[in-house]
Amino acid sequence: MAITHLTDETFAQETSKGLVLTDFWAAWCGPCRMIAPVLEEIDAEIGDKVKITKLDVDHNQETAAKYGVMSIPTLILFKDGEIVDKVIGYRPKEALVEVIQKHL
């Protein structure tokens, strides 16, 4: 699978079915750049079980505000459109996989 880049317009549709991990990020954010390759690895390993998506908060402020994103990176895990978990800040791959596996 490939990581899907979301917009305010596509967000609801892309997160409405199945397990979806959305990375709320910005290009200028150091920890966001650190977590990007971790998300690529997770996508390569278990992308068939969870869809990995990214939302640039600078260009999609409406969705970021709707979900109360105040710090980035914020990763929100959705299951069939409902929030089931949230991680704020950088986490190592093992910690993120653990969060995902709780909801598989």
PDB file of N, CA and C in Angstrom:
ATOM      1  N   MET A   1       0.855  -1.180   0.000  1.00  0.00           N
ATOM      2  CA  MET A   1       0.000   0.000   0.000  1.00  0.00           C
ATOM      3  C   MET A   1       0.897   1.238   0.000  1.00  0.00           C
ATOM      4  N   ALA A   2       0.302   2.349  -0.307  1.00  0.00           N
ATOM      5  CA  ALA A   2       1.032   3.611  -0.270  1.00  0.00           C
ATOM      6  C   ALA A   2       0.337   4.536   0.723  1.00  0.00           C
ATOM      7  N   ILE A   3       1.121   5.397   1.326  1.00  0.00           N
ATOM      8  CA  ILE A   3       0.540   6.350   2.270  1.00  0.00           C
ATOM      9  C   ILE A   3      -0.305   7.353   1.489  1.00  0.00           C
ATOM     10  N   THR A   4      -1.521   7.583   1.953  1.00  0.00           N
ATOM     11  CA  THR A   4      -2.462   8.472   1.300  1.00  0.00           C
ATOM     12  C   THR A   4      -2.389   9.852   1.938  1.00  0.00           C
ATOM     13  N   HIS A   5      -2.236  10.880   1.110  1.00  0.00           N
ATOM     14  CA  HIS A   5      -2.231  12.253   1.610  1.00  0.00           C
ATOM     15  C   HIS A   5      -3.657  12.798   1.538  1.00  0.00           C
ATOM     16  N   LEU A   6      -4.153  13.254   2.691  1.00  0.00           N
ATOM     17  CA  LEU A   6      -5.533  13.699   2.797  1.00  0.00           C
ATOM     18  C   LEU A   6      -5.636  15.215   2.738  1.00  0.00           C
ATOM     19  N   THR A   7      -6.837  15.680   2.442  1.00  0.00           N
ATOM     20  CA  THR A   7      -7.167  17.103   2.486  1.00  0.00           C
ATOM     21  C   THR A   7      -8.444  17.245   3.312  1.00  0.00           C
ATOM     22  N   ASP A   8      -8.811  18.498   3.613  1.00  0.00           N
ATOM     23  CA  ASP A   8     -10.083  18.723   4.310  1.00  0.00           C
ATOM     24  C   ASP A   8     -11.228  18.067   3.539  1.00  0.00           C
ATOM     25  N   GLU A   9     -11.139  18.101   2.204  1.00  0.00           N
ATOM     26  CA  GLU A   9     -12.224  17.571   1.363  1.00  0.00           C
ATOM     27  C   GLU A   9     -12.279  16.046   1.351  1.00  0.00           C
ATOM     28  N   THR A  10     -11.136  15.367   1.441  1.00  0.00           N
ATOM     29  CA  THR A  10     -11.113  13.906   1.323  1.00  0.00           C
ATOM     30  C   THR A  10     -11.082  13.193   2.673  1.00  0.00           C
ATOM     31  N   PHE A  11     -10.877  13.933   3.743  1.00  0.00           N
ATOM     32  CA  PHE A  11     -10.640  13.320   5.054  1.00  0.00           C
ATOM     33  C   PHE A  11     -11.756  12.370   5.496  1.00  0.00           C
ATOM     34  N   ALA A  12     -12.982  12.834   5.524  1.00  0.00           N
ATOM     35  CA  ALA A  12     -14.099  12.021   6.038  1.00  0.00           C
ATOM     36  C   ALA A  12     -14.246  10.714   5.264  1.00  0.00           C
ATOM     37  N   GLN A  13     -14.175  10.802   3.944  1.00  0.00           N
ATOM     38  CA  GLN A  13     -14.336   9.598   3.125  1.00  0.00           C
ATOM     39  C   GLN A  13     -13.198   8.607   3.356  1.00  0.00           C
ATOM     40  N   GLU A  14     -11.961   9.098   3.416  1.00  0.00           N
ATOM     41  CA  GLU A  14     -10.795   8.214   3.526  1.00  0.00           C
ATOM     42  C   GLU A  14     -10.653   7.566   4.899  1.00  0.00           C
ATOM     43  N   THR A  15     -11.252   8.151   5.933  1.00  0.00           N
ATOM     44  CA  THR A  15     -11.121   7.597   7.288  1.00  0.00           C
ATOM     45  C   THR A  15     -12.391   6.898   7.759  1.00  0.00           C
ATOM     46  N   SER A  16     -13.364   6.720   6.878  1.00  0.00           N
ATOM     47  CA  SER A  16     -14.669   6.203   7.304  1.00  0.00           C
ATOM     48  C   SER A  16     -14.761   4.685   7.382  1.00  0.00           C
ATOM     49  N   LYS A  17     -13.861   3.963   6.719  1.00  0.00           N
ATOM     50  CA  LYS A  17     -13.966   2.495   6.694  1.00  0.00           C
ATOM     51  C   LYS A  17     -12.674   1.846   7.151  1.00  0.00           C
ATOM     52  N   GLY A  18     -12.804   0.852   8.011  1.00  0.00           N
ATOM     53  CA  GLY A  18     -11.642   0.089   8.457  1.00  0.00           C
ATOM     54  C   GLY A  18     -10.789   0.854   9.453  1.00  0.00           C
ATOM     55  N   LEU A  19      -9.569   0.358   9.640  1.00  0.00           N
ATOM     56  CA  LEU A  19      -8.616   0.944  10.574  1.00  0.00           C
ATOM     57  C   LEU A  19      -7.710   1.906   9.804  1.00  0.00           C
ATOM     58  N   VAL A  20      -7.684   3.175  10.234  1.00  0.00           N
ATOM     59  CA  VAL A  20      -6.927   4.217   9.536  1.00  0.00           C
ATOM     60  C   VAL A  20      -6.120   5.010  10.555  1.00  0.00           C
ATOM     61  N   LEU A  21      -4.809   5.073  10.352  1.00  0.00           N
ATOM     62  CA  LEU A  21      -3.939   5.892  11.185  1.00  0.00           C
ATOM     63  C   LEU A  21      -3.613   7.160  10.414  1.00  0.00           C
ATOM     64  N   THR A  22      -4.010   8.306  10.974  1.00  0.00           N
ATOM     65  CA  THR A  22      -3.746   9.585  10.312  1.00  0.00           C
ATOM     66  C   THR A  22      -2.694  10.355  11.078  1.00  0.00           C
ATOM     67  N   ASP A  23      -1.642  10.763  10.346  1.00  0.00           N
ATOM     68  CA  ASP A  23      -0.554  11.572  10.876  1.00  0.00           C
ATOM     69  C   ASP A  23      -0.859  13.032  10.551  1.00  0.00           C
ATOM     70  N   PHE A  24      -1.146  13.823  11.587  1.00  0.00           N
ATOM     71  CA  PHE A  24      -1.326  15.264  11.422  1.00  0.00           C
ATOM     72  C   PHE A  24       0.066  15.875  11.554  1.00  0.00           C
ATOM     73  N   TRP A  25       0.563  16.508  10.487  1.00  0.00           N
ATOM     74  CA  TRP A  25       1.958  16.920  10.424  1.00  0.00           C
ATOM     75  C   TRP A  25       2.107  18.253   9.687  1.00  0.00           C
ATOM     76  N   ALA A  26       3.345  18.764   9.668  1.00  0.00           N
ATOM     77  CA  ALA A  26       3.689  19.943   8.863  1.00  0.00           C
ATOM     78  C   ALA A  26       5.125  19.794   8.379  1.00  0.00           C
ATOM     79  N   ALA A  27       5.416  20.384   7.231  1.00  0.00           N
ATOM     80  CA  ALA A  27       6.733  20.239   6.613  1.00  0.00           C
ATOM     81  C   ALA A  27       7.867  20.808   7.472  1.00  0.00           C
ATOM     82  N   TRP A  28       7.584  21.833   8.262  1.00  0.00           N
ATOM     83  CA  TRP A  28       8.613  22.497   9.069  1.00  0.00           C
ATOM     84  C   TRP A  28       8.873  21.794  10.406  1.00  0.00           C
ATOM     85  N   CYS A  29       8.126  20.758  10.717  1.00  0.00           N
ATOM     86  CA  CYS A  29       8.171  20.100  12.034  1.00  0.00           C
ATOM     87  C   CYS A  29       9.224  18.981  12.049  1.00  0.00           C
ATOM     88  N   GLY A  30      10.261  19.148  12.873  1.00  0.00           N
ATOM     89  CA  GLY A  30      11.329  18.154  12.969  1.00  0.00           C
ATOM     90  C   GLY A  30      10.849  16.768  13.372  1.00  0.00           C
ATOM     91  N   PRO A  31      10.096  16.652  14.483  1.00  0.00           N
ATOM     92  CA  PRO A  31       9.595  15.325  14.871  1.00  0.00           C
ATOM     93  C   PRO A  31       8.690  14.692  13.800  1.00  0.00           C
ATOM     94  N   CYS A  32       7.994  15.524  13.032  1.00  0.00           N
ATOM     95  CA  CYS A  32       7.154  15.000  11.939  1.00  0.00           C
ATOM     96  C   CYS A  32       8.032  14.346  10.876  1.00  0.00           C
ATOM     97  N   ARG A  33       9.161  14.989  10.575  1.00  0.00           N
ATOM     98  CA  ARG A  33      10.078  14.417   9.590  1.00  0.00           C
ATOM     99  C   ARG A  33      10.716  13.133  10.128  1.00  0.00           C
ATOM    100  N   MET A  34      10.932  13.060  11.445  1.00  0.00           N
ATOM    101  CA  MET A  34      11.506  11.854  12.049  1.00  0.00           C
ATOM    102  C   MET A  34      10.533  10.671  11.986  1.00  0.00           C
ATOM    103  N   ILE A  35       9.258  10.952  12.143  1.00  0.00           N
ATOM    104  CA  ILE A  35       8.274   9.864  12.203  1.00  0.00           C
ATOM    105  C   ILE A  35       7.876   9.378  10.803  1.00  0.00           C
ATOM    106  N   ALA A  36       8.113  10.182   9.771  1.00  0.00           N
ATOM    107  CA  ALA A  36       7.705   9.804   8.406  1.00  0.00           C
ATOM    108  C   ALA A  36       8.275   8.461   7.961  1.00  0.00           C
ATOM    109  N   PRO A  37       9.599   8.200   8.114  1.00  0.00           N
ATOM    110  CA  PRO A  37      10.110   6.887   7.685  1.00  0.00           C
ATOM    111  C   PRO A  37       9.576   5.734   8.541  1.00  0.00           C
ATOM    112  N   VAL A  38       9.245   6.019   9.796  1.00  0.00           N
ATOM    113  CA  VAL A  38       8.652   4.998  10.670  1.00  0.00           C
ATOM    114  C   VAL A  38       7.293   4.590  10.114  1.00  0.00           C
ATOM    115  N   LEU A  39       6.507   5.579   9.693  1.00  0.00           N
ATOM    116  CA  LEU A  39       5.189   5.291   9.119  1.00  0.00           C
ATOM    117  C   LEU A  39       5.314   4.532   7.802  1.00  0.00           C
ATOM    118  N   GLU A  40       6.352   4.857   7.011  1.00  0.00           N
ATOM    119  CA  GLU A  40       6.596   4.125   5.760  1.00  0.00           C
ATOM    120  C   GLU A  40       6.868   2.648   6.058  1.00  0.00           C
ATOM    121  N   GLU A  41       7.671   2.384   7.099  1.00  0.00           N
ATOM    122  CA  GLU A  41       7.974   0.996   7.479  1.00  0.00           C
ATOM    123  C   GLU A  41       6.718   0.268   7.933  1.00  0.00           C
ATOM    124  N   ILE A  42       5.913   0.927   8.751  1.00  0.00           N
ATOM    125  CA  ILE A  42       4.677   0.303   9.233  1.00  0.00           C
ATOM    126  C   ILE A  42       3.763   0.004   8.050  1.00  0.00           C
ATOM    127  N   ASP A  43       3.663   0.943   7.121  1.00  0.00           N
ATOM    128  CA  ASP A  43       2.834   0.736   5.937  1.00  0.00           C
ATOM    129  C   ASP A  43       3.321  -0.465   5.136  1.00  0.00           C
ATOM    130  N   ALA A  44       4.644  -0.587   4.986  1.00  0.00           N
ATOM    131  CA  ALA A  44       5.211  -1.705   4.224  1.00  0.00           C
ATOM    132  C   ALA A  44       4.939  -3.040   4.913  1.00  0.00           C
ATOM    133  N   GLU A  45       4.949  -3.043   6.244  1.00  0.00           N
ATOM    134  CA  GLU A  45       4.806  -4.298   6.992  1.00  0.00           C
ATOM    135  C   GLU A  45       3.359  -4.702   7.247  1.00  0.00           C
ATOM    136  N   ILE A  46       2.500  -3.734   7.625  1.00  0.00           N
ATOM    137  CA  ILE A  46       1.115  -4.107   7.967  1.00  0.00           C
ATOM    138  C   ILE A  46       0.084  -3.213   7.270  1.00  0.00           C
ATOM    139  N   GLY A  47       0.479  -2.652   6.118  1.00  0.00           N
ATOM    140  CA  GLY A  47      -0.415  -1.780   5.368  1.00  0.00           C
ATOM    141  C   GLY A  47      -1.671  -2.465   4.863  1.00  0.00           C
ATOM    142  N   ASP A  48      -1.668  -3.794   4.877  1.00  0.00           N
ATOM    143  CA  ASP A  48      -2.877  -4.521   4.484  1.00  0.00           C
ATOM    144  C   ASP A  48      -3.899  -4.554   5.623  1.00  0.00           C
ATOM    145  N   LYS A  49      -3.466  -4.250   6.852  1.00  0.00           N
ATOM    146  CA  LYS A  49      -4.366  -4.284   8.019  1.00  0.00           C
ATOM    147  C   LYS A  49      -4.790  -2.889   8.472  1.00  0.00           C
ATOM    148  N   VAL A  50      -3.943  -1.890   8.182  1.00  0.00           N
ATOM    149  CA  VAL A  50      -4.235  -0.516   8.592  1.00  0.00           C
ATOM    150  C   VAL A  50      -3.824   0.422   7.464  1.00  0.00           C
ATOM    151  N   LYS A  51      -4.691   1.370   7.162  1.00  0.00           N
ATOM    152  CA  LYS A  51      -4.360   2.367   6.134  1.00  0.00           C
ATOM    153  C   LYS A  51      -3.651   3.533   6.820  1.00  0.00           C
ATOM    154  N   ILE A  52      -2.466   3.887   6.302  1.00  0.00           N
ATOM    155  CA  ILE A  52      -1.701   5.003   6.848  1.00  0.00           C
ATOM    156  C   ILE A  52      -1.982   6.229   5.987  1.00  0.00           C
ATOM    157  N   THR A  53      -2.379   7.327   6.647  1.00  0.00           N
ATOM    158  CA  THR A  53      -2.677   8.564   5.932  1.00  0.00           C
ATOM    159  C   THR A  53      -1.963   9.727   6.607  1.00  0.00           C
ATOM    160  N   LYS A  54      -1.799  10.816   5.860  1.00  0.00           N
ATOM    161  CA  LYS A  54      -1.157  12.013   6.376  1.00  0.00           C
ATOM    162  C   LYS A  54      -2.018  13.225   6.026  1.00  0.00           C
ATOM    163  N   LEU A  55      -2.075  14.184   6.965  1.00  0.00           N
ATOM    164  CA  LEU A  55      -2.803  15.428   6.721  1.00  0.00           C
ATOM    165  C   LEU A  55      -1.894  16.583   7.107  1.00  0.00           C
ATOM    166  N   ASP A  56      -1.536  17.418   6.136  1.00  0.00           N
ATOM    167  CA  ASP A  56      -0.701  18.597   6.383  1.00  0.00           C
ATOM    168  C   ASP A  56      -1.567  19.655   7.072  1.00  0.00           C
ATOM    169  N   VAL A  57      -1.260  19.946   8.346  1.00  0.00           N
ATOM    170  CA  VAL A  57      -2.105  20.857   9.129  1.00  0.00           C
ATOM    171  C   VAL A  57      -2.034  22.297   8.629  1.00  0.00           C
ATOM    172  N   ASP A  58      -0.934  22.672   7.975  1.00  0.00           N
ATOM    173  CA  ASP A  58      -0.823  24.037   7.458  1.00  0.00           C
ATOM    174  C   ASP A  58      -1.779  24.282   6.296  1.00  0.00           C
ATOM    175  N   HIS A  59      -2.051  23.244   5.513  1.00  0.00           N
ATOM    176  CA  HIS A  59      -2.911  23.394   4.336  1.00  0.00           C
ATOM    177  C   HIS A  59      -4.324  22.873   4.565  1.00  0.00           C
ATOM    178  N   ASN A  60      -4.578  22.261   5.713  1.00  0.00           N
ATOM    179  CA  ASN A  60      -5.898  21.669   6.009  1.00  0.00           C
ATOM    180  C   ASN A  60      -6.281  21.974   7.452  1.00  0.00           C
ATOM    181  N   GLN A  61      -6.383  23.263   7.744  1.00  0.00           N
ATOM    182  CA  GLN A  61      -6.603  23.696   9.124  1.00  0.00           C
ATOM    183  C   GLN A  61      -7.987  23.339   9.655  1.00  0.00           C
ATOM    184  N   GLU A  62      -8.961  23.228   8.771  1.00  0.00           N
ATOM    185  CA  GLU A  62     -10.330  22.911   9.197  1.00  0.00           C
ATOM    186  C   GLU A  62     -10.385  21.541   9.897  1.00  0.00           C
ATOM    187  N   THR A  63      -9.794  20.533   9.280  1.00  0.00           N
ATOM    188  CA  THR A  63      -9.807  19.188   9.854  1.00  0.00           C
ATOM    189  C   THR A  63      -8.961  19.131  11.116  1.00  0.00           C
ATOM    190  N   ALA A  64      -7.791  19.766  11.101  1.00  0.00           N
ATOM    191  CA  ALA A  64      -6.935  19.794  12.289  1.00  0.00           C
ATOM    192  C   ALA A  64      -7.674  20.418  13.464  1.00  0.00           C
ATOM    193  N   ALA A  65      -8.387  21.504  13.227  1.00  0.00           N
ATOM    194  CA  ALA A  65      -9.152  22.171  14.287  1.00  0.00           C
ATOM    195  C   ALA A  65     -10.303  21.286  14.773  1.00  0.00           C
ATOM    196  N   LYS A  66     -10.967  20.619  13.850  1.00  0.00           N
ATOM    197  CA  LYS A  66     -12.099  19.742  14.201  1.00  0.00           C
ATOM    198  C   LYS A  66     -11.676  18.669  15.198  1.00  0.00           C
ATOM    199  N   TYR A  67     -10.451  18.156  15.039  1.00  0.00           N
ATOM    200  CA  TYR A  67      -9.966  17.095  15.915  1.00  0.00           C
ATOM    201  C   TYR A  67      -9.076  17.617  17.045  1.00  0.00           C
ATOM    202  N   GLY A  68      -9.039  18.934  17.230  1.00  0.00           N
ATOM    203  CA  GLY A  68      -8.334  19.529  18.353  1.00  0.00           C
ATOM    204  C   GLY A  68      -6.829  19.315  18.328  1.00  0.00           C
ATOM    205  N   VAL A  69      -6.253  19.253  17.140  1.00  0.00           N
ATOM    206  CA  VAL A  69      -4.812  19.033  17.024  1.00  0.00           C
ATOM    207  C   VAL A  69      -4.091  20.330  17.382  1.00  0.00           C
ATOM    208  N   MET A  70      -3.372  20.307  18.512  1.00  0.00           N
ATOM    209  CA  MET A  70      -2.650  21.482  18.990  1.00  0.00           C
ATOM    210  C   MET A  70      -1.139  21.298  18.879  1.00  0.00           C
ATOM    211  N   SER A  71      -0.684  20.061  18.903  1.00  0.00           N
ATOM    212  CA  SER A  71       0.740  19.736  18.801  1.00  0.00           C
ATOM    213  C   SER A  71       0.914  18.745  17.667  1.00  0.00           C
ATOM    214  N   ILE A  72       2.063  18.849  16.986  1.00  0.00           N
ATOM    215  CA  ILE A  72       2.329  17.884  15.921  1.00  0.00           C
ATOM    216  C   ILE A  72       3.702  17.261  16.143  1.00  0.00           C
ATOM    217  N   PRO A  73       3.919  16.036  15.740  1.00  0.00           N
ATOM    218  CA  PRO A  73       2.908  15.206  15.087  1.00  0.00           C
ATOM    219  C   PRO A  73       1.863  14.695  16.084  1.00  0.00           C
ATOM    220  N   THR A  74       0.626  14.649  15.632  1.00  0.00           N
ATOM    221  CA  THR A  74      -0.441  13.967  16.350  1.00  0.00           C
ATOM    222  C   THR A  74      -0.912  12.852  15.427  1.00  0.00           C
ATOM    223  N   LEU A  75      -0.952  11.642  15.952  1.00  0.00           N
ATOM    224  CA  LEU A  75      -1.439  10.509  15.173  1.00  0.00           C
ATOM    225  C   LEU A  75      -2.750  10.049  15.787  1.00  0.00           C
ATOM    226  N   ILE A  76      -3.797  10.025  14.968  1.00  0.00           N
ATOM    227  CA  ILE A  76      -5.114   9.591  15.440  1.00  0.00           C
ATOM    228  C   ILE A  76      -5.482   8.315  14.692  1.00  0.00           C
ATOM    229  N   LEU A  77      -5.880   7.316  15.470  1.00  0.00           N
ATOM    230  CA  LEU A  77      -6.290   6.035  14.903  1.00  0.00           C
ATOM    231  C   LEU A  77      -7.808   5.984  14.864  1.00  0.00           C
ATOM    232  N   PHE A  78      -8.339   5.813  13.661  1.00  0.00           N
ATOM    233  CA  PHE A  78      -9.786   5.727  13.447  1.00  0.00           C
ATOM    234  C   PHE A  78     -10.166   4.296  13.117  1.00  0.00           C
ATOM    235  N   LYS A  79     -11.322   3.874  13.628  1.00  0.00           N
ATOM    236  CA  LYS A  79     -11.891   2.584  13.241  1.00  0.00           C
ATOM    237  C   LYS A  79     -13.304   2.870  12.766  1.00  0.00           C
ATOM    238  N   ASP A  80     -13.532   2.635  11.477  1.00  0.00           N
ATOM    239  CA  ASP A  80     -14.826   2.926  10.845  1.00  0.00           C
ATOM    240  C   ASP A  80     -15.288   4.354  11.151  1.00  0.00           C
ATOM    241  N   GLY A  81     -14.343   5.306  11.076  1.00  0.00           N
ATOM    242  CA  GLY A  81     -14.668   6.724  11.227  1.00  0.00           C
ATOM    243  C   GLY A  81     -14.665   7.253  12.647  1.00  0.00           C
ATOM    244  N   GLU A  82     -14.534   6.379  13.634  1.00  0.00           N
ATOM    245  CA  GLU A  82     -14.537   6.806  15.036  1.00  0.00           C
ATOM    246  C   GLU A  82     -13.123   6.767  15.605  1.00  0.00           C
ATOM    247  N   ILE A  83     -12.776   7.760  16.431  1.00  0.00           N
ATOM    248  CA  ILE A  83     -11.452   7.778  17.066  1.00  0.00           C
ATOM    249  C   ILE A  83     -11.378   6.660  18.100  1.00  0.00           C
ATOM    250  N   VAL A  84     -10.342   5.815  17.982  1.00  0.00           N
ATOM    251  CA  VAL A  84     -10.142   4.752  18.971  1.00  0.00           C
ATOM    252  C   VAL A  84      -8.836   4.933  19.736  1.00  0.00           C
ATOM    253  N   ASP A  85      -7.926   5.776  19.228  1.00  0.00           N
ATOM    254  CA  ASP A  85      -6.664   6.012  19.938  1.00  0.00           C
ATOM    255  C   ASP A  85      -6.012   7.270  19.392  1.00  0.00           C
ATOM    256  N   LYS A  86      -5.113   7.857  20.209  1.00  0.00           N
ATOM    257  CA  LYS A  86      -4.412   9.079  19.810  1.00  0.00           C
ATOM    258  C   LYS A  86      -3.021   9.066  20.419  1.00  0.00           C
ATOM    259  N   VAL A  87      -2.033   9.450  19.614  1.00  0.00           N
ATOM    260  CA  VAL A  87      -0.649   9.538  20.068  1.00  0.00           C
ATOM    261  C   VAL A  87      -0.147  10.925  19.703  1.00  0.00           C
ATOM    262  N   ILE A  88       0.415  11.631  20.684  1.00  0.00           N
ATOM    263  CA  ILE A  88       0.952  12.966  20.420  1.00  0.00           C
ATOM    264  C   ILE A  88       2.460  12.925  20.575  1.00  0.00           C
ATOM    265  N   GLY A  89       3.159  13.419  19.560  1.00  0.00           N
ATOM    266  CA  GLY A  89       4.615  13.443  19.587  1.00  0.00           C
ATOM    267  C   GLY A  89       5.214  12.204  18.938  1.00  0.00           C
ATOM    268  N   TYR A  90       6.535  12.259  18.776  1.00  0.00           N
ATOM    269  CA  TYR A  90       7.253  11.143  18.154  1.00  0.00           C
ATOM    270  C   TYR A  90       7.196   9.904  19.046  1.00  0.00           C
ATOM    271  N   ARG A  91       6.992   8.750  18.431  1.00  0.00           N
ATOM    272  CA  ARG A  91       7.072   7.463  19.123  1.00  0.00           C
ATOM    273  C   ARG A  91       7.854   6.509  18.234  1.00  0.00           C
ATOM    274  N   PRO A  92       8.613   5.585  18.836  1.00  0.00           N
ATOM    275  CA  PRO A  92       9.308   4.590  18.018  1.00  0.00           C
ATOM    276  C   PRO A  92       8.309   3.636  17.366  1.00  0.00           C
ATOM    277  N   LYS A  93       8.784   2.971  16.339  1.00  0.00           N
ATOM    278  CA  LYS A  93       7.936   2.068  15.548  1.00  0.00           C
ATOM    279  C   LYS A  93       7.213   1.049  16.424  1.00  0.00           C
ATOM    280  N   GLU A  94       7.937   0.423  17.356  1.00  0.00           N
ATOM    281  CA  GLU A  94       7.337  -0.627  18.189  1.00  0.00           C
ATOM    282  C   GLU A  94       6.122  -0.091  18.955  1.00  0.00           C
ATOM    283  N   ALA A  95       6.225   1.133  19.468  1.00  0.00           N
ATOM    284  CA  ALA A  95       5.119   1.721  20.231  1.00  0.00           C
ATOM    285  C   ALA A  95       3.913   1.974  19.341  1.00  0.00           C
ATOM    286  N   LEU A  96       4.149   2.436  18.131  1.00  0.00           N
ATOM    287  CA  LEU A  96       3.030   2.696  17.215  1.00  0.00           C
ATOM    288  C   LEU A  96       2.370   1.401  16.767  1.00  0.00           C
ATOM    289  N   VAL A  97       3.174   0.384  16.482  1.00  0.00           N
ATOM    290  CA  VAL A  97       2.614  -0.912  16.076  1.00  0.00           C
ATOM    291  C   VAL A  97       1.760  -1.484  17.217  1.00  0.00           C
ATOM    292  N   GLU A  98       2.222  -1.299  18.449  1.00  0.00           N
ATOM    293  CA  GLU A  98       1.459  -1.783  19.604  1.00  0.00           C
ATOM    294  C   GLU A  98       0.093  -1.114  19.681  1.00  0.00           C
ATOM    295  N   VAL A  99       0.046   0.200  19.459  1.00  0.00           N
ATOM    296  CA  VAL A  99      -1.222   0.941  19.470  1.00  0.00           C
ATOM    297  C   VAL A  99      -2.142   0.390  18.386  1.00  0.00           C
ATOM    298  N   ILE A 100      -1.611   0.189  17.197  1.00  0.00           N
ATOM    299  CA  ILE A 100      -2.413  -0.327  16.077  1.00  0.00           C
ATOM    300  C   ILE A 100      -2.936  -1.727  16.388  1.00  0.00           C
ATOM    301  N   GLN A 101      -2.059  -2.587  16.885  1.00  0.00           N
ATOM    302  CA  GLN A 101      -2.443  -3.989  17.114  1.00  0.00           C
ATOM    303  C   GLN A 101      -3.535  -4.143  18.158  1.00  0.00           C
ATOM    304  N   LYS A 102      -3.650  -3.187  19.087  1.00  0.00           N
ATOM    305  CA  LYS A 102      -4.728  -3.216  20.084  1.00  0.00           C
ATOM    306  C   LYS A 102      -6.100  -3.165  19.434  1.00  0.00           C
ATOM    307  N   HIS A 103      -6.150  -2.616  18.207  1.00  0.00           N
ATOM    308  CA  HIS A 103      -7.444  -2.370  17.570  1.00  0.00           C
ATOM    309  C   HIS A 103      -7.683  -3.220  16.318  1.00  0.00           C
ATOM    310  N   LEU A 104      -6.784  -4.151  16.039  1.00  0.00           N
ATOM    311  CA  LEU A 104      -6.964  -5.017  14.870  1.00  0.00           C
ATOM    312  C   LEU A 104      -8.037  -6.064  15.124  1.00  0.00           C
TER     313      LEU A 104
END
